Amino acid sequence: MKTDILAFGVHPDDVELSCSGTLIKHIELGKTVGIIDLTQGELGTRGTAEIRMKEAAAAKKIMGVTYRENLNMADGFFLNDADHQLKIIEVIRKYQPEIVICNAIEDRHPDHGRSSKLVSEACFYSGLTKIESFFNDKLQHAWRPKAVYHYIQDRFIHPDFVVDVSAQAEKKREAIMAYSSQFYDPKSNEPETPISSKEFLETLYSKMSLWGRAINVKYAEGFTVERYLGVENLFDLK
């Protein structure tokens, strides 16, 4: 299935928190969007892996993405090695995305930066014809995305560009709150975590507001790049 944008998250909810507004916006523009979760987030303090899978399915429906897969890597203990690289390469060659979006280059959670490097390197290796991978016992063709962008998560990283998601901000909030086991719920008896407080979501939207103000809109999401961005002319810039 040819895909316009393929978004990776090491944990279910990474994508919703960081770039779901951008994904929703491109879906509304008619683009094909998919999500790949590397793990089930089974080490999370609140909830269970089974609950997270149900929440991820609900968030997928809210966002309107075409497909969502989980690679069932070990939360906290996956490696950036040949076996894990090949799992990513198989997915990239299967869906042939034009653009890949993945975790922040560094963050409070060590899985985020490690996932970022794993996916980014796999995107490069996926374009090498001498690396063989298979899907349904058939040899896959080499494929390299045109661009890899990194969303920004807990740590404040200066973005290389931002995307206006003012019109998608409420649907983004709905997708985030599909993870009721993880985020603010005054009725929950689960232990408090750094992401379960009401202030966490307020901080998230404050960051979006700060980036939005820079381009004279209400909300924006920030991204970093691995190479220079190019534009046809200066008037394409907001």
C-alpha atoms as a PDB file:
ATOM      1  CA  MET A   1       0.000   0.000   0.000  1.00  0.00           C
ATOM      2  CA  LYS A   2       1.604   3.263  -1.144  1.00  0.00           C
ATOM      3  CA  THR A   3       1.571   5.757   1.719  1.00  0.00           C
ATOM      4  CA  ASP A   4       2.106   9.507   1.782  1.00  0.00           C
ATOM      5  CA  ILE A   5       3.099   9.792   5.453  1.00  0.00           C
ATOM      6  CA  LEU A   6       4.167   6.995   7.803  1.00  0.00           C
ATOM      7  CA  ALA A   7       4.436   8.027  11.458  1.00  0.00           C
ATOM      8  CA  PHE A   8       6.425   5.945  13.950  1.00  0.00           C
ATOM      9  CA  GLY A   9       6.094   6.010  17.718  1.00  0.00           C
ATOM     10  CA  VAL A  10       8.006   3.834  20.140  1.00  0.00           C
ATOM     11  CA  HIS A  11       4.978   3.829  22.480  1.00  0.00           C
ATOM     12  CA  PRO A  12       1.286   4.014  21.634  1.00  0.00           C
ATOM     13  CA  ASP A  13       0.348   7.671  22.318  1.00  0.00           C
ATOM     14  CA  ASP A  14       3.712   9.159  21.199  1.00  0.00           C
ATOM     15  CA  VAL A  15       2.225  10.064  17.825  1.00  0.00           C
ATOM     16  CA  GLU A  16      -1.003  11.426  19.308  1.00  0.00           C
ATOM     17  CA  LEU A  17       0.831  13.705  21.726  1.00  0.00           C
ATOM     18  CA  SER A  18       3.399  14.999  19.270  1.00  0.00           C
ATOM     19  CA  CYS A  19       2.169  15.093  15.673  1.00  0.00           C
ATOM     20  CA  SER A  20      -1.456  13.965  15.473  1.00  0.00           C
ATOM     21  CA  GLY A  21      -2.610  17.451  14.494  1.00  0.00           C
ATOM     22  CA  THR A  22      -0.280  17.359  11.491  1.00  0.00           C
ATOM     23  CA  LEU A  23      -1.447  13.859  10.530  1.00  0.00           C
ATOM     24  CA  ILE A  24      -5.115  14.828  10.815  1.00  0.00           C
ATOM     25  CA  LYS A  25      -4.471  17.913   8.690  1.00  0.00           C
ATOM     26  CA  HIS A  26      -2.894  15.866   5.899  1.00  0.00           C
ATOM     27  CA  ILE A  27      -5.668  13.284   6.047  1.00  0.00           C
ATOM     28  CA  GLU A  28      -8.122  16.157   5.552  1.00  0.00           C
ATOM     29  CA  LEU A  29      -6.027  17.154   2.523  1.00  0.00           C
ATOM     30  CA  GLY A  30      -6.546  13.687   1.046  1.00  0.00           C
ATOM     31  CA  LYS A  31      -3.179  12.164   1.956  1.00  0.00           C
ATOM     32  CA  THR A  32      -2.745   8.533   2.995  1.00  0.00           C
ATOM     33  CA  VAL A  33      -1.392   8.241   6.532  1.00  0.00           C
ATOM     34  CA  GLY A  34      -0.362   5.216   8.587  1.00  0.00           C
ATOM     35  CA  ILE A  35       1.043   4.695  12.099  1.00  0.00           C
ATOM     36  CA  ILE A  36       3.576   2.128  13.290  1.00  0.00           C
ATOM     37  CA  ASP A  37       4.010   1.613  17.037  1.00  0.00           C
ATOM     38  CA  LEU A  38       7.241  -0.170  17.944  1.00  0.00           C
ATOM     39  CA  THR A  39       6.099  -1.461  21.356  1.00  0.00           C
ATOM     40  CA  GLN A  40       2.877  -1.935  23.305  1.00  0.00           C
ATOM     41  CA  GLY A  41       4.095   0.391  26.059  1.00  0.00           C
ATOM     42  CA  GLU A  42       3.939  -2.521  28.457  1.00  0.00           C
ATOM     43  CA  LEU A  43       6.287  -0.895  30.978  1.00  0.00           C
ATOM     44  CA  GLY A  44       3.966   2.062  31.511  1.00  0.00           C
ATOM     45  CA  THR A  45       3.031   2.644  35.149  1.00  0.00           C
ATOM     46  CA  ARG A  46      -0.684   2.976  34.427  1.00  0.00           C
ATOM     47  CA  GLY A  47      -2.894   0.506  32.617  1.00  0.00           C
ATOM     48  CA  THR A  48      -1.810  -2.630  30.741  1.00  0.00           C
ATOM     49  CA  ALA A  49      -0.588  -3.517  27.268  1.00  0.00           C
ATOM     50  CA  GLU A  50      -4.046  -4.881  26.454  1.00  0.00           C
ATOM     51  CA  ILE A  51      -5.694  -1.604  27.459  1.00  0.00           C
ATOM     52  CA  ARG A  52      -3.148   0.384  25.458  1.00  0.00           C
ATOM     53  CA  MET A  53      -3.942  -1.635  22.324  1.00  0.00           C
ATOM     54  CA  LYS A  54      -7.641  -0.842  22.674  1.00  0.00           C
ATOM     55  CA  GLU A  55      -6.858   2.813  23.267  1.00  0.00           C
ATOM     56  CA  ALA A  56      -4.563   2.929  20.232  1.00  0.00           C
ATOM     57  CA  ALA A  57      -7.327   1.462  18.059  1.00  0.00           C
ATOM     58  CA  ALA A  58      -9.767   4.090  19.332  1.00  0.00           C
ATOM     59  CA  ALA A  59      -7.284   6.904  18.653  1.00  0.00           C
ATOM     60  CA  LYS A  60      -6.685   5.545  15.130  1.00  0.00           C
ATOM     61  CA  LYS A  61     -10.404   5.800  14.429  1.00  0.00           C
ATOM     62  CA  ILE A  62     -10.596   9.346  15.779  1.00  0.00           C
ATOM     63  CA  MET A  63      -7.673  10.524  13.651  1.00  0.00           C
ATOM     64  CA  GLY A  64      -8.871   8.688  10.541  1.00  0.00           C
ATOM     65  CA  VAL A  65      -5.532   7.059   9.687  1.00  0.00           C
ATOM     66  CA  THR A  66      -5.649   4.278   7.109  1.00  0.00           C
ATOM     67  CA  TYR A  67      -3.818   1.648   9.140  1.00  0.00           C
ATOM     68  CA  ARG A  68      -1.953   1.146  12.395  1.00  0.00           C
ATOM     69  CA  GLU A  69       0.463  -1.689  13.171  1.00  0.00           C
ATOM     70  CA  ASN A  70       2.413  -2.705  16.264  1.00  0.00           C
ATOM     71  CA  LEU A  71       5.838  -4.342  15.820  1.00  0.00           C
ATOM     72  CA  ASN A  72       5.804  -5.816  19.364  1.00  0.00           C
ATOM     73  CA  MET A  73       9.359  -4.834  20.208  1.00  0.00           C
ATOM     74  CA  ALA A  74      10.300  -4.984  23.893  1.00  0.00           C
ATOM     75  CA  ASP A  75       9.406  -1.756  25.661  1.00  0.00           C
ATOM     76  CA  GLY A  76      12.566  -0.352  27.225  1.00  0.00           C
ATOM     77  CA  PHE A  77      14.802  -3.121  25.900  1.00  0.00           C
ATOM     78  CA  PHE A  78      14.688  -2.921  22.088  1.00  0.00           C
ATOM     79  CA  LEU A  79      18.031  -2.326  20.398  1.00  0.00           C
ATOM     80  CA  ASN A  80      19.306  -0.491  17.374  1.00  0.00           C
ATOM     81  CA  ASP A  81      20.703  -3.630  15.754  1.00  0.00           C
ATOM     82  CA  ALA A  82      20.283  -5.672  12.564  1.00  0.00           C
ATOM     83  CA  ASP A  83      17.194  -7.591  13.723  1.00  0.00           C
ATOM     84  CA  HIS A  84      15.304  -4.457  14.755  1.00  0.00           C
ATOM     85  CA  GLN A  85      16.498  -2.529  11.700  1.00  0.00           C
ATOM     86  CA  LEU A  86      15.107  -5.241   9.436  1.00  0.00           C
ATOM     87  CA  LYS A  87      11.701  -5.059  11.101  1.00  0.00           C
ATOM     88  CA  ILE A  88      11.565  -1.353  10.287  1.00  0.00           C
ATOM     89  CA  ILE A  89      12.920  -1.890   6.764  1.00  0.00           C
ATOM     90  CA  GLU A  90      10.202  -4.467   6.035  1.00  0.00           C
ATOM     91  CA  VAL A  91       7.515  -1.984   7.067  1.00  0.00           C
ATOM     92  CA  ILE A  92       9.031   0.865   5.050  1.00  0.00           C
ATOM     93  CA  ARG A  93       9.291  -1.278   1.935  1.00  0.00           C
ATOM     94  CA  LYS A  94       5.790  -2.620   2.479  1.00  0.00           C
ATOM     95  CA  TYR A  95       4.136   0.814   2.638  1.00  0.00           C
ATOM     96  CA  GLN A  96       6.644   2.881   0.605  1.00  0.00           C
ATOM     97  CA  PRO A  97       6.065   6.207   2.398  1.00  0.00           C
ATOM     98  CA  GLU A  98       7.098   9.480   0.832  1.00  0.00           C
ATOM     99  CA  ILE A  99       7.633  10.987   4.288  1.00  0.00           C
ATOM    100  CA  VAL A 100       8.500   9.340   7.592  1.00  0.00           C
ATOM    101  CA  ILE A 101       7.867  11.075  10.918  1.00  0.00           C
ATOM    102  CA  CYS A 102       9.412   9.602  14.061  1.00  0.00           C
ATOM    103  CA  ASN A 103      10.381  10.224  17.680  1.00  0.00           C
ATOM    104  CA  ALA A 104      12.340  13.177  19.005  1.00  0.00           C
ATOM    105  CA  ILE A 105      16.104  13.042  18.488  1.00  0.00           C
ATOM    106  CA  GLU A 106      16.545  13.182  22.281  1.00  0.00           C
ATOM    107  CA  ASP A 107      14.134  13.270  25.186  1.00  0.00           C
ATOM    108  CA  ARG A 108      13.471  12.587  28.864  1.00  0.00           C
ATOM    109  CA  HIS A 109      12.470   9.005  28.061  1.00  0.00           C
ATOM    110  CA  PRO A 110      15.528   7.108  26.720  1.00  0.00           C
ATOM    111  CA  ASP A 111      13.346   5.014  24.386  1.00  0.00           C
ATOM    112  CA  HIS A 112      12.464   8.128  22.377  1.00  0.00           C
ATOM    113  CA  GLY A 113      15.962   9.039  21.247  1.00  0.00           C
ATOM    114  CA  ARG A 114      16.902   5.403  20.631  1.00  0.00           C
ATOM    115  CA  SER A 115      13.777   4.870  18.530  1.00  0.00           C
ATOM    116  CA  SER A 116      14.528   8.055  16.610  1.00  0.00           C
ATOM    117  CA  LYS A 117      17.953   6.782  15.580  1.00  0.00           C
ATOM    118  CA  LEU A 118      16.671   3.266  14.853  1.00  0.00           C
ATOM    119  CA  VAL A 119      13.943   4.453  12.487  1.00  0.00           C
ATOM    120  CA  SER A 120      16.094   7.107  10.829  1.00  0.00           C
ATOM    121  CA  GLU A 121      18.889   4.657  10.069  1.00  0.00           C
ATOM    122  CA  ALA A 122      16.427   2.037   8.840  1.00  0.00           C
ATOM    123  CA  CYS A 123      15.013   4.588   6.385  1.00  0.00           C
ATOM    124  CA  PHE A 124      18.479   4.926   4.874  1.00  0.00           C
ATOM    125  CA  TYR A 125      19.243   1.202   4.809  1.00  0.00           C
ATOM    126  CA  SER A 126      15.838   0.495   3.277  1.00  0.00           C
ATOM    127  CA  GLY A 127      17.117   2.147   0.095  1.00  0.00           C
ATOM    128  CA  LEU A 128      20.055  -0.250  -0.270  1.00  0.00           C
ATOM    129  CA  THR A 129      19.336  -2.969  -2.812  1.00  0.00           C
ATOM    130  CA  LYS A 130      21.799  -5.433  -1.293  1.00  0.00           C
ATOM    131  CA  ILE A 131      19.823  -5.598   1.952  1.00  0.00           C
ATOM    132  CA  GLU A 132      17.172  -8.268   1.461  1.00  0.00           C
ATOM    133  CA  SER A 133      13.815  -8.272   3.213  1.00  0.00           C
ATOM    134  CA  PHE A 134      10.650 -10.266   2.657  1.00  0.00           C
ATOM    135  CA  PHE A 135       6.906  -9.797   3.028  1.00  0.00           C
ATOM    136  CA  ASN A 136       4.619 -12.817   2.629  1.00  0.00           C
ATOM    137  CA  ASP A 137       7.700 -14.774   1.489  1.00  0.00           C
ATOM    138  CA  LYS A 138       8.264 -12.385  -1.425  1.00  0.00           C
ATOM    139  CA  LEU A 139      11.448 -10.372  -1.850  1.00  0.00           C
ATOM    140  CA  GLN A 140      10.760  -6.686  -1.306  1.00  0.00           C
ATOM    141  CA  HIS A 141      12.011  -3.849  -3.482  1.00  0.00           C
ATOM    142  CA  ALA A 142      14.360  -1.257  -1.993  1.00  0.00           C
ATOM    143  CA  TRP A 143      12.628   1.976  -0.938  1.00  0.00           C
ATOM    144  CA  ARG A 144      13.909   5.129   0.729  1.00  0.00           C
ATOM    145  CA  PRO A 145      11.547   7.896   1.933  1.00  0.00           C
ATOM    146  CA  LYS A 146      12.150  11.352   0.512  1.00  0.00           C
ATOM    147  CA  ALA A 147      12.358  12.882   3.991  1.00  0.00           C
ATOM    148  CA  VAL A 148      12.547  11.961   7.680  1.00  0.00           C
ATOM    149  CA  TYR A 149      11.157  14.471  10.178  1.00  0.00           C
ATOM    150  CA  HIS A 150      11.298  14.238  13.964  1.00  0.00           C
ATOM    151  CA  TYR A 151       8.486  15.455  16.171  1.00  0.00           C
ATOM    152  CA  ILE A 152       9.235  17.125  19.495  1.00  0.00           C
ATOM    153  CA  GLN A 153       8.169  15.487  22.757  1.00  0.00           C
ATOM    154  CA  ASP A 154       8.810  16.284  26.415  1.00  0.00           C
ATOM    155  CA  ARG A 155      12.036  18.284  26.156  1.00  0.00           C
ATOM    156  CA  PHE A 156      11.838  21.654  24.466  1.00  0.00           C
ATOM    157  CA  ILE A 157      13.852  21.335  21.256  1.00  0.00           C
ATOM    158  CA  HIS A 158      13.994  24.318  18.938  1.00  0.00           C
ATOM    159  CA  PRO A 159      11.945  23.325  15.865  1.00  0.00           C
ATOM    160  CA  ASP A 160      13.278  23.653  12.321  1.00  0.00           C
ATOM    161  CA  PHE A 161       9.720  24.172  11.090  1.00  0.00           C
ATOM    162  CA  VAL A 162       6.204  24.242  12.508  1.00  0.00           C
ATOM    163  CA  VAL A 163       2.842  23.188  11.090  1.00  0.00           C
ATOM    164  CA  ASP A 164      -0.362  25.159  11.697  1.00  0.00           C
ATOM    165  CA  VAL A 165      -2.780  22.748  13.417  1.00  0.00           C
ATOM    166  CA  SER A 166      -5.231  25.285  14.828  1.00  0.00           C
ATOM    167  CA  ALA A 167      -8.200  23.667  13.078  1.00  0.00           C
ATOM    168  CA  GLN A 168      -7.113  20.184  14.191  1.00  0.00           C
ATOM    169  CA  ALA A 169      -6.324  20.969  17.835  1.00  0.00           C
ATOM    170  CA  GLU A 170      -9.623  19.727  19.285  1.00  0.00           C
ATOM    171  CA  LYS A 171      -9.547  16.454  17.369  1.00  0.00           C
ATOM    172  CA  LYS A 172      -5.952  16.026  18.540  1.00  0.00           C
ATOM    173  CA  ARG A 173      -7.145  16.435  22.138  1.00  0.00           C
ATOM    174  CA  GLU A 174      -9.835  13.814  21.524  1.00  0.00           C
ATOM    175  CA  ALA A 175      -7.227  11.387  20.145  1.00  0.00           C
ATOM    176  CA  ILE A 176      -4.981  11.957  23.163  1.00  0.00           C
ATOM    177  CA  MET A 177      -7.838  11.403  25.599  1.00  0.00           C
ATOM    178  CA  ALA A 178      -8.603   8.072  23.941  1.00  0.00           C
ATOM    179  CA  TYR A 179      -5.749   6.928  26.204  1.00  0.00           C
ATOM    180  CA  SER A 180      -7.842   7.307  29.335  1.00  0.00           C
ATOM    181  CA  SER A 181      -5.538   4.987  31.281  1.00  0.00           C
ATOM    182  CA  GLN A 182      -2.551   7.269  30.689  1.00  0.00           C
ATOM    183  CA  PHE A 183      -3.719  10.860  30.882  1.00  0.00           C
ATOM    184  CA  TYR A 184      -5.699  13.107  33.192  1.00  0.00           C
ATOM    185  CA  ASP A 185      -8.788  11.449  34.614  1.00  0.00           C
ATOM    186  CA  PRO A 186     -10.077  12.728  37.988  1.00  0.00           C
ATOM    187  CA  LYS A 187     -11.883   9.407  38.513  1.00  0.00           C
ATOM    188  CA  SER A 188      -8.764   7.250  38.064  1.00  0.00           C
ATOM    189  CA  ASN A 189      -7.277   5.347  41.003  1.00  0.00           C
ATOM    190  CA  GLU A 190      -4.037   4.650  39.108  1.00  0.00           C
ATOM    191  CA  PRO A 191      -0.696   6.037  40.408  1.00  0.00           C
ATOM    192  CA  GLU A 192       0.191   9.586  39.428  1.00  0.00           C
ATOM    193  CA  THR A 193       2.803   9.879  36.667  1.00  0.00           C
ATOM    194  CA  PRO A 194       4.566  12.809  34.940  1.00  0.00           C
ATOM    195  CA  ILE A 195       2.016  12.643  32.109  1.00  0.00           C
ATOM    196  CA  SER A 196      -1.210  11.976  34.014  1.00  0.00           C
ATOM    197  CA  SER A 197      -1.675  15.384  35.606  1.00  0.00           C
ATOM    198  CA  LYS A 198      -3.998  18.048  34.268  1.00  0.00           C
ATOM    199  CA  GLU A 199      -0.986  20.380  34.053  1.00  0.00           C
ATOM    200  CA  PHE A 200       0.752  18.071  31.573  1.00  0.00           C
ATOM    201  CA  LEU A 201      -1.892  18.609  28.881  1.00  0.00           C
ATOM    202  CA  GLU A 202      -1.953  22.332  29.641  1.00  0.00           C
ATOM    203  CA  THR A 203       1.814  22.429  29.110  1.00  0.00           C
ATOM    204  CA  LEU A 204       1.464  20.519  25.839  1.00  0.00           C
ATOM    205  CA  TYR A 205      -1.027  23.021  24.446  1.00  0.00           C
ATOM    206  CA  SER A 206       0.994  25.940  25.785  1.00  0.00           C
ATOM    207  CA  LYS A 207       3.943  24.708  23.748  1.00  0.00           C
ATOM    208  CA  MET A 208       1.700  24.425  20.690  1.00  0.00           C
ATOM    209  CA  SER A 209       0.447  27.939  21.371  1.00  0.00           C
ATOM    210  CA  LEU A 210       4.004  29.277  21.583  1.00  0.00           C
ATOM    211  CA  TRP A 211       4.899  27.749  18.215  1.00  0.00           C
ATOM    212  CA  GLY A 212       1.626  28.965  16.751  1.00  0.00           C
ATOM    213  CA  ARG A 213       2.269  32.529  17.869  1.00  0.00           C
ATOM    214  CA  ALA A 214       5.537  32.517  15.926  1.00  0.00           C
ATOM    215  CA  ILE A 215       3.573  32.142  12.679  1.00  0.00           C
ATOM    216  CA  ASN A 216       0.499  34.138  13.773  1.00  0.00           C
ATOM    217  CA  VAL A 217      -1.840  31.188  14.300  1.00  0.00           C
ATOM    218  CA  LYS A 218      -3.384  29.692  17.440  1.00  0.00           C
ATOM    219  CA  TYR A 219      -1.636  26.306  17.547  1.00  0.00           C
ATOM    220  CA  ALA A 220       1.270  24.633  15.747  1.00  0.00           C
ATOM    221  CA  GLU A 221       3.333  21.456  16.053  1.00  0.00           C
ATOM    222  CA  GLY A 222       7.124  21.565  15.816  1.00  0.00           C
ATOM    223  CA  PHE A 223       9.534  19.308  13.934  1.00  0.00           C
ATOM    224  CA  THR A 224      13.271  18.957  13.383  1.00  0.00           C
ATOM    225  CA  VAL A 225      14.933  17.865  10.150  1.00  0.00           C
ATOM    226  CA  GLU A 226      17.979  15.855   9.127  1.00  0.00           C
ATOM    227  CA  ARG A 227      18.815  17.911   6.052  1.00  0.00           C
ATOM    228  CA  TYR A 228      18.088  21.345   4.648  1.00  0.00           C
ATOM    229  CA  LEU A 229      14.519  22.168   3.732  1.00  0.00           C
ATOM    230  CA  GLY A 230      13.921  23.623   0.282  1.00  0.00           C
ATOM    231  CA  VAL A 231      11.124  25.840  -1.039  1.00  0.00           C
ATOM    232  CA  GLU A 232      10.216  26.913  -4.557  1.00  0.00           C
ATOM    233  CA  ASN A 233      10.071  30.590  -3.601  1.00  0.00           C
ATOM    234  CA  LEU A 234      10.051  32.815  -0.513  1.00  0.00           C
ATOM    235  CA  PHE A 235       6.269  33.298  -0.690  1.00  0.00           C
ATOM    236  CA  ASP A 236       5.730  29.638   0.165  1.00  0.00           C
ATOM    237  CA  LEU A 237       6.973  30.424   3.683  1.00  0.00           C
ATOM    238  CA  LYS A 238       4.334  31.377   6.243  1.00  0.00           C
END
